[in-house]
Amino acid sequence: MCYIETKDKKSVVALVIGASLNNKVCSANISKNAKEMFKNAKQFHDGKWLFFELKTNETLEDIKNLLAIKRKPLNK
């Protein structure tokens, strides 16, 4: 679903978004920066790879919203 790397007190989260989700991501409740990153990411056979340096709450919310697009959260 995602990859998390921590190194030198930095955390980077990598998400791969498949081509079938392009429209959902473009209309998602994510920041302008995240949409721009998605728009500019190269399309590979497995999707677009997005790399977020986890610095702000806004970035964390973007990651959570994108993960929810990839896999619908379970209702408990």
PDB file of N, CA and C in Angstrom:
ATOM      1  N   MET A   1       0.821  -1.185   0.000  1.00  0.00           N
ATOM      2  CA  MET A   1       0.000   0.000   0.000  1.00  0.00           C
ATOM      3  C   MET A   1       0.866   1.251   0.000  1.00  0.00           C
ATOM      4  N   CYS A   2       1.893   1.274   0.855  1.00  0.00           N
ATOM      5  CA  CYS A   2       2.823   2.391   0.865  1.00  0.00           C
ATOM      6  C   CYS A   2       4.136   1.927   1.481  1.00  0.00           C
ATOM      7  N   TYR A   3       5.150   2.721   1.285  1.00  0.00           N
ATOM      8  CA  TYR A   3       6.464   2.448   1.849  1.00  0.00           C
ATOM      9  C   TYR A   3       6.844   3.628   2.720  1.00  0.00           C
ATOM     10  N   ILE A   4       7.432   3.331   3.877  1.00  0.00           N
ATOM     11  CA  ILE A   4       7.870   4.394   4.775  1.00  0.00           C
ATOM     12  C   ILE A   4       9.351   4.182   5.056  1.00  0.00           C
ATOM     13  N   GLU A   5      10.127   5.224   4.862  1.00  0.00           N
ATOM     14  CA  GLU A   5      11.553   5.164   5.140  1.00  0.00           C
ATOM     15  C   GLU A   5      11.901   6.273   6.115  1.00  0.00           C
ATOM     16  N   THR A   6      12.618   5.925   7.162  1.00  0.00           N
ATOM     17  CA  THR A   6      13.098   6.926   8.094  1.00  0.00           C
ATOM     18  C   THR A   6      14.619   6.881   8.082  1.00  0.00           C
ATOM     19  N   LYS A   7      15.200   8.064   7.951  1.00  0.00           N
ATOM     20  CA  LYS A   7      16.655   8.171   7.890  1.00  0.00           C
ATOM     21  C   LYS A   7      17.039   9.584   8.276  1.00  0.00           C
ATOM     22  N   ASP A   8      18.038   9.699   9.112  1.00  0.00           N
ATOM     23  CA  ASP A   8      18.537  11.015   9.523  1.00  0.00           C
ATOM     24  C   ASP A   8      17.417  11.929  10.014  1.00  0.00           C
ATOM     25  N   LYS A   9      16.552  11.383  10.855  1.00  0.00           N
ATOM     26  CA  LYS A   9      15.435  12.131  11.453  1.00  0.00           C
ATOM     27  C   LYS A   9      14.433  12.641  10.431  1.00  0.00           C
ATOM     28  N   LYS A  10      14.398  12.029   9.245  1.00  0.00           N
ATOM     29  CA  LYS A  10      13.420  12.368   8.213  1.00  0.00           C
ATOM     30  C   LYS A  10      12.591  11.128   7.912  1.00  0.00           C
ATOM     31  N   SER A  11      11.339  11.331   7.631  1.00  0.00           N
ATOM     32  CA  SER A  11      10.461  10.244   7.217  1.00  0.00           C
ATOM     33  C   SER A  11       9.925  10.554   5.831  1.00  0.00           C
ATOM     34  N   VAL A  12      10.058   9.590   4.939  1.00  0.00           N
ATOM     35  CA  VAL A  12       9.546   9.722   3.575  1.00  0.00           C
ATOM     36  C   VAL A  12       8.550   8.597   3.345  1.00  0.00           C
ATOM     37  N   VAL A  13       7.385   8.963   2.849  1.00  0.00           N
ATOM     38  CA  VAL A  13       6.339   7.999   2.530  1.00  0.00           C
ATOM     39  C   VAL A  13       6.190   7.951   1.022  1.00  0.00           C
ATOM     40  N   ALA A  14       6.247   6.742   0.475  1.00  0.00           N
ATOM     41  CA  ALA A  14       6.069   6.539  -0.964  1.00  0.00           C
ATOM     42  C   ALA A  14       4.751   5.828  -1.202  1.00  0.00           C
ATOM     43  N   LEU A  15       3.953   6.387  -2.077  1.00  0.00           N
ATOM     44  CA  LEU A  15       2.676   5.786  -2.476  1.00  0.00           C
ATOM     45  C   LEU A  15       2.699   5.557  -3.976  1.00  0.00           C
ATOM     46  N   VAL A  16       2.151   4.424  -4.392  1.00  0.00           N
ATOM     47  CA  VAL A  16       2.001   4.146  -5.819  1.00  0.00           C
ATOM     48  C   VAL A  16       0.512   4.184  -6.117  1.00  0.00           C
ATOM     49  N   ILE A  17       0.127   5.080  -7.012  1.00  0.00           N
ATOM     50  CA  ILE A  17      -1.282   5.250  -7.383  1.00  0.00           C
ATOM     51  C   ILE A  17      -1.461   4.732  -8.807  1.00  0.00           C
ATOM     52  N   GLY A  18      -2.266   3.684  -8.957  1.00  0.00           N
ATOM     53  CA  GLY A  18      -2.510   3.096 -10.264  1.00  0.00           C
ATOM     54  C   GLY A  18      -3.308   4.013 -11.178  1.00  0.00           C
ATOM     55  N   ALA A  19      -3.160   3.792 -12.480  1.00  0.00           N
ATOM     56  CA  ALA A  19      -3.815   4.631 -13.489  1.00  0.00           C
ATOM     57  C   ALA A  19      -5.334   4.628 -13.351  1.00  0.00           C
ATOM     58  N   SER A  20      -5.897   3.546 -12.856  1.00  0.00           N
ATOM     59  CA  SER A  20      -7.356   3.464 -12.726  1.00  0.00           C
ATOM     60  C   SER A  20      -7.898   4.449 -11.694  1.00  0.00           C
ATOM     61  N   LEU A  21      -7.031   5.009 -10.861  1.00  0.00           N
ATOM     62  CA  LEU A  21      -7.471   5.938  -9.817  1.00  0.00           C
ATOM     63  C   LEU A  21      -7.203   7.402 -10.157  1.00  0.00           C
ATOM     64  N   ASN A  22      -6.727   7.684 -11.365  1.00  0.00           N
ATOM     65  CA  ASN A  22      -6.375   9.060 -11.748  1.00  0.00           C
ATOM     66  C   ASN A  22      -7.505  10.051 -11.506  1.00  0.00           C
ATOM     67  N   ASN A  23      -8.704   9.733 -11.944  1.00  0.00           N
ATOM     68  CA  ASN A  23      -9.828  10.668 -11.785  1.00  0.00           C
ATOM     69  C   ASN A  23     -10.165  10.904 -10.326  1.00  0.00           C
ATOM     70  N   LYS A  24     -10.095   9.849  -9.508  1.00  0.00           N
ATOM     71  CA  LYS A  24     -10.394  10.007  -8.082  1.00  0.00           C
ATOM     72  C   LYS A  24      -9.367  10.888  -7.396  1.00  0.00           C
ATOM     73  N   VAL A  25      -8.111  10.727  -7.762  1.00  0.00           N
ATOM     74  CA  VAL A  25      -7.063  11.552  -7.155  1.00  0.00           C
ATOM     75  C   VAL A  25      -7.231  13.010  -7.576  1.00  0.00           C
ATOM     76  N   CYS A  26      -7.537  13.248  -8.831  1.00  0.00           N
ATOM     77  CA  CYS A  26      -7.703  14.623  -9.316  1.00  0.00           C
ATOM     78  C   CYS A  26      -8.848  15.351  -8.630  1.00  0.00           C
ATOM     79  N   SER A  27      -9.860  14.624  -8.176  1.00  0.00           N
ATOM     80  CA  SER A  27     -10.995  15.252  -7.499  1.00  0.00           C
ATOM     81  C   SER A  27     -10.948  15.052  -5.984  1.00  0.00           C
ATOM     82  N   ALA A  28      -9.858  14.512  -5.476  1.00  0.00           N
ATOM     83  CA  ALA A  28      -9.744  14.208  -4.045  1.00  0.00           C
ATOM     84  C   ALA A  28      -9.541  15.466  -3.207  1.00  0.00           C
ATOM     85  N   ASN A  29      -9.831  15.315  -1.925  1.00  0.00           N
ATOM     86  CA  ASN A  29      -9.619  16.386  -0.961  1.00  0.00           C
ATOM     87  C   ASN A  29      -8.163  16.325  -0.481  1.00  0.00           C
ATOM     88  N   ILE A  30      -7.257  16.759  -1.358  1.00  0.00           N
ATOM     89  CA  ILE A  30      -5.839  16.811  -1.041  1.00  0.00           C
ATOM     90  C   ILE A  30      -5.311  18.202  -1.398  1.00  0.00           C
ATOM     91  N   SER A  31      -4.149  18.518  -0.867  1.00  0.00           N
ATOM     92  CA  SER A  31      -3.597  19.856  -1.062  1.00  0.00           C
ATOM     93  C   SER A  31      -3.222  20.115  -2.523  1.00  0.00           C
ATOM     94  N   LYS A  32      -3.070  21.375  -2.830  1.00  0.00           N
ATOM     95  CA  LYS A  32      -2.642  21.781  -4.175  1.00  0.00           C
ATOM     96  C   LYS A  32      -1.274  21.175  -4.492  1.00  0.00           C
ATOM     97  N   ASN A  33      -0.388  21.153  -3.501  1.00  0.00           N
ATOM     98  CA  ASN A  33       0.946  20.585  -3.708  1.00  0.00           C
ATOM     99  C   ASN A  33       0.872  19.099  -4.053  1.00  0.00           C
ATOM    100  N   ALA A  34       0.017  18.363  -3.365  1.00  0.00           N
ATOM    101  CA  ALA A  34      -0.122  16.928  -3.628  1.00  0.00           C
ATOM    102  C   ALA A  34      -0.710  16.693  -5.021  1.00  0.00           C
ATOM    103  N   LYS A  35      -1.677  17.506  -5.413  1.00  0.00           N
ATOM    104  CA  LYS A  35      -2.248  17.367  -6.753  1.00  0.00           C
ATOM    105  C   LYS A  35      -1.215  17.684  -7.828  1.00  0.00           C
ATOM    106  N   GLU A  36      -0.397  18.684  -7.574  1.00  0.00           N
ATOM    107  CA  GLU A  36       0.651  19.054  -8.526  1.00  0.00           C
ATOM    108  C   GLU A  36       1.700  17.931  -8.616  1.00  0.00           C
ATOM    109  N   MET A  37       2.049  17.353  -7.478  1.00  0.00           N
ATOM    110  CA  MET A  37       2.993  16.243  -7.465  1.00  0.00           C
ATOM    111  C   MET A  37       2.443  15.075  -8.290  1.00  0.00           C
ATOM    112  N   PHE A  38       1.156  14.788  -8.095  1.00  0.00           N
ATOM    113  CA  PHE A  38       0.524  13.700  -8.838  1.00  0.00           C
ATOM    114  C   PHE A  38       0.505  14.004 -10.331  1.00  0.00           C
ATOM    115  N   LYS A  39       0.139  15.217 -10.678  1.00  0.00           N
ATOM    116  CA  LYS A  39       0.063  15.620 -12.082  1.00  0.00           C
ATOM    117  C   LYS A  39       1.416  15.478 -12.768  1.00  0.00           C
ATOM    118  N   ASN A  40       2.497  15.823 -12.062  1.00  0.00           N
ATOM    119  CA  ASN A  40       3.834  15.824 -12.648  1.00  0.00           C
ATOM    120  C   ASN A  40       4.561  14.480 -12.545  1.00  0.00           C
ATOM    121  N   ALA A  41       3.993  13.551 -11.809  1.00  0.00           N
ATOM    122  CA  ALA A  41       4.654  12.252 -11.641  1.00  0.00           C
ATOM    123  C   ALA A  41       4.584  11.453 -12.937  1.00  0.00           C
ATOM    124  N   LYS A  42       5.656  10.743 -13.223  1.00  0.00           N
ATOM    125  CA  LYS A  42       5.706   9.908 -14.426  1.00  0.00           C
ATOM    126  C   LYS A  42       4.826   8.677 -14.235  1.00  0.00           C
ATOM    127  N   GLN A  43       4.073   8.330 -15.265  1.00  0.00           N
ATOM    128  CA  GLN A  43       3.218   7.138 -15.234  1.00  0.00           C
ATOM    129  C   GLN A  43       4.062   5.915 -15.602  1.00  0.00           C
ATOM    130  N   PHE A  44       4.230   4.992 -14.659  1.00  0.00           N
ATOM    131  CA  PHE A  44       4.922   3.733 -14.906  1.00  0.00           C
ATOM    132  C   PHE A  44       3.884   2.639 -15.083  1.00  0.00           C
ATOM    133  N   HIS A  45       4.323   1.447 -15.405  1.00  0.00           N
ATOM    134  CA  HIS A  45       3.391   0.336 -15.628  1.00  0.00           C
ATOM    135  C   HIS A  45       2.558   0.035 -14.383  1.00  0.00           C
ATOM    136  N   ASP A  46       3.113   0.271 -13.189  1.00  0.00           N
ATOM    137  CA  ASP A  46       2.379  -0.017 -11.958  1.00  0.00           C
ATOM    138  C   ASP A  46       1.712   1.215 -11.361  1.00  0.00           C
ATOM    139  N   GLY A  47       1.887   2.375 -11.962  1.00  0.00           N
ATOM    140  CA  GLY A  47       1.241   3.585 -11.485  1.00  0.00           C
ATOM    141  C   GLY A  47       2.208   4.744 -11.347  1.00  0.00           C
ATOM    142  N   LYS A  48       1.737   5.788 -10.702  1.00  0.00           N
ATOM    143  CA  LYS A  48       2.557   6.964 -10.432  1.00  0.00           C
ATOM    144  C   LYS A  48       3.102   6.849  -9.016  1.00  0.00           C
ATOM    145  N   TRP A  49       4.401   7.041  -8.883  1.00  0.00           N
ATOM    146  CA  TRP A  49       5.050   6.992  -7.589  1.00  0.00           C
ATOM    147  C   TRP A  49       5.117   8.392  -7.006  1.00  0.00           C
ATOM    148  N   LEU A  50       4.558   8.558  -5.803  1.00  0.00           N
ATOM    149  CA  LEU A  50       4.559   9.843  -5.115  1.00  0.00           C
ATOM    150  C   LEU A  50       5.383   9.718  -3.844  1.00  0.00           C
ATOM    151  N   PHE A  51       6.277  10.672  -3.613  1.00  0.00           N
ATOM    152  CA  PHE A  51       7.141  10.652  -2.443  1.00  0.00           C
ATOM    153  C   PHE A  51       6.863  11.885  -1.591  1.00  0.00           C
ATOM    154  N   PHE A  52       6.433  11.648  -0.366  1.00  0.00           N
ATOM    155  CA  PHE A  52       6.097  12.726   0.558  1.00  0.00           C
ATOM    156  C   PHE A  52       7.086  12.737   1.712  1.00  0.00           C
ATOM    157  N   GLU A  53       7.720  13.876   1.949  1.00  0.00           N
ATOM    158  CA  GLU A  53       8.514  14.017   3.162  1.00  0.00           C
ATOM    159  C   GLU A  53       7.547  14.455   4.254  1.00  0.00           C
ATOM    160  N   LEU A  54       7.469  13.663   5.284  1.00  0.00           N
ATOM    161  CA  LEU A  54       6.479  13.877   6.337  1.00  0.00           C
ATOM    162  C   LEU A  54       6.961  14.979   7.282  1.00  0.00           C
ATOM    163  N   LYS A  55       6.524  16.214   6.972  1.00  0.00           N
ATOM    164  CA  LYS A  55       6.937  17.383   7.757  1.00  0.00           C
ATOM    165  C   LYS A  55       5.766  18.093   8.414  1.00  0.00           C
ATOM    166  N   THR A  56       4.592  18.034   7.789  1.00  0.00           N
ATOM    167  CA  THR A  56       3.461  18.819   8.286  1.00  0.00           C
ATOM    168  C   THR A  56       2.221  17.942   8.429  1.00  0.00           C
ATOM    169  N   ASN A  57       1.266  18.463   9.176  1.00  0.00           N
ATOM    170  CA  ASN A  57      -0.018  17.771   9.311  1.00  0.00           C
ATOM    171  C   ASN A  57      -0.750  17.722   7.974  1.00  0.00           C
ATOM    172  N   GLU A  58      -0.569  18.753   7.151  1.00  0.00           N
ATOM    173  CA  GLU A  58      -1.209  18.770   5.831  1.00  0.00           C
ATOM    174  C   GLU A  58      -0.710  17.599   4.984  1.00  0.00           C
ATOM    175  N   THR A  59       0.578  17.333   5.044  1.00  0.00           N
ATOM    176  CA  THR A  59       1.140  16.204   4.294  1.00  0.00           C
ATOM    177  C   THR A  59       0.583  14.895   4.819  1.00  0.00           C
ATOM    178  N   LEU A  60       0.482  14.766   6.126  1.00  0.00           N
ATOM    179  CA  LEU A  60      -0.090  13.554   6.716  1.00  0.00           C
ATOM    180  C   LEU A  60      -1.532  13.360   6.262  1.00  0.00           C
ATOM    181  N   GLU A  61      -2.307  14.423   6.222  1.00  0.00           N
ATOM    182  CA  GLU A  61      -3.701  14.341   5.759  1.00  0.00           C
ATOM    183  C   GLU A  61      -3.760  13.946   4.283  1.00  0.00           C
ATOM    184  N   ASP A  62      -2.862  14.491   3.469  1.00  0.00           N
ATOM    185  CA  ASP A  62      -2.799  14.095   2.058  1.00  0.00           C
ATOM    186  C   ASP A  62      -2.553  12.593   1.932  1.00  0.00           C
ATOM    187  N   ILE A  63      -1.604  12.085   2.698  1.00  0.00           N
ATOM    188  CA  ILE A  63      -1.277  10.662   2.652  1.00  0.00           C
ATOM    189  C   ILE A  63      -2.482   9.837   3.076  1.00  0.00           C
ATOM    190  N   LYS A  64      -3.127  10.225   4.159  1.00  0.00           N
ATOM    191  CA  LYS A  64      -4.303   9.482   4.638  1.00  0.00           C
ATOM    192  C   LYS A  64      -5.425   9.485   3.597  1.00  0.00           C
ATOM    193  N   ASN A  65      -5.653  10.636   2.961  1.00  0.00           N
ATOM    194  CA  ASN A  65      -6.708  10.720   1.945  1.00  0.00           C
ATOM    195  C   ASN A  65      -6.370   9.884   0.711  1.00  0.00           C
ATOM    196  N   LEU A  66      -5.116   9.860   0.321  1.00  0.00           N
ATOM    197  CA  LEU A  66      -4.714   9.043  -0.828  1.00  0.00           C
ATOM    198  C   LEU A  66      -4.797   7.549  -0.498  1.00  0.00           C
ATOM    199  N   LEU A  67      -4.432   7.186   0.720  1.00  0.00           N
ATOM    200  CA  LEU A  67      -4.563   5.780   1.126  1.00  0.00           C
ATOM    201  C   LEU A  67      -6.031   5.345   1.137  1.00  0.00           C
ATOM    202  N   ALA A  68      -6.915   6.260   1.526  1.00  0.00           N
ATOM    203  CA  ALA A  68      -8.344   5.950   1.536  1.00  0.00           C
ATOM    204  C   ALA A  68      -8.875   5.733   0.118  1.00  0.00           C
ATOM    205  N   ILE A  69      -8.276   6.387  -0.857  1.00  0.00           N
ATOM    206  CA  ILE A  69      -8.659   6.164  -2.258  1.00  0.00           C
ATOM    207  C   ILE A  69      -8.195   4.785  -2.708  1.00  0.00           C
ATOM    208  N   LYS A  70      -6.983   4.426  -2.303  1.00  0.00           N
ATOM    209  CA  LYS A  70      -6.435   3.121  -2.685  1.00  0.00           C
ATOM    210  C   LYS A  70      -7.231   1.975  -2.057  1.00  0.00           C
ATOM    211  N   ARG A  71      -7.574   2.102  -0.794  1.00  0.00           N
ATOM    212  CA  ARG A  71      -8.316   1.086  -0.081  1.00  0.00           C
ATOM    213  C   ARG A  71      -9.354   1.768   0.792  1.00  0.00           C
ATOM    214  N   LYS A  72     -10.606   1.502   0.524  1.00  0.00           N
ATOM    215  CA  LYS A  72     -11.675   2.111   1.299  1.00  0.00           C
ATOM    216  C   LYS A  72     -11.548   1.654   2.749  1.00  0.00           C
ATOM    217  N   PRO A  73     -11.583   2.606   3.712  1.00  0.00           N
ATOM    218  CA  PRO A  73     -11.458   2.244   5.128  1.00  0.00           C
ATOM    219  C   PRO A  73     -12.619   1.361   5.586  1.00  0.00           C
ATOM    220  N   LEU A  74     -12.325   0.457   6.514  1.00  0.00           N
ATOM    221  CA  LEU A  74     -13.371  -0.369   7.090  1.00  0.00           C
ATOM    222  C   LEU A  74     -14.213   0.468   8.028  1.00  0.00           C
ATOM    223  N   ASN A  75     -15.514   0.307   7.967  1.00  0.00           N
ATOM    224  CA  ASN A  75     -16.413   1.010   8.891  1.00  0.00           C
ATOM    225  C   ASN A  75     -16.556   0.162  10.142  1.00  0.00           C
ATOM    226  N   LYS A  76     -16.232   0.751  11.269  1.00  0.00           N
ATOM    227  CA  LYS A  76     -16.348   0.018  12.547  1.00  0.00           C
ATOM    228  C   LYS A  76     -17.336   0.695  13.439  1.00  0.00           C
TER     229      LYS A  76
END
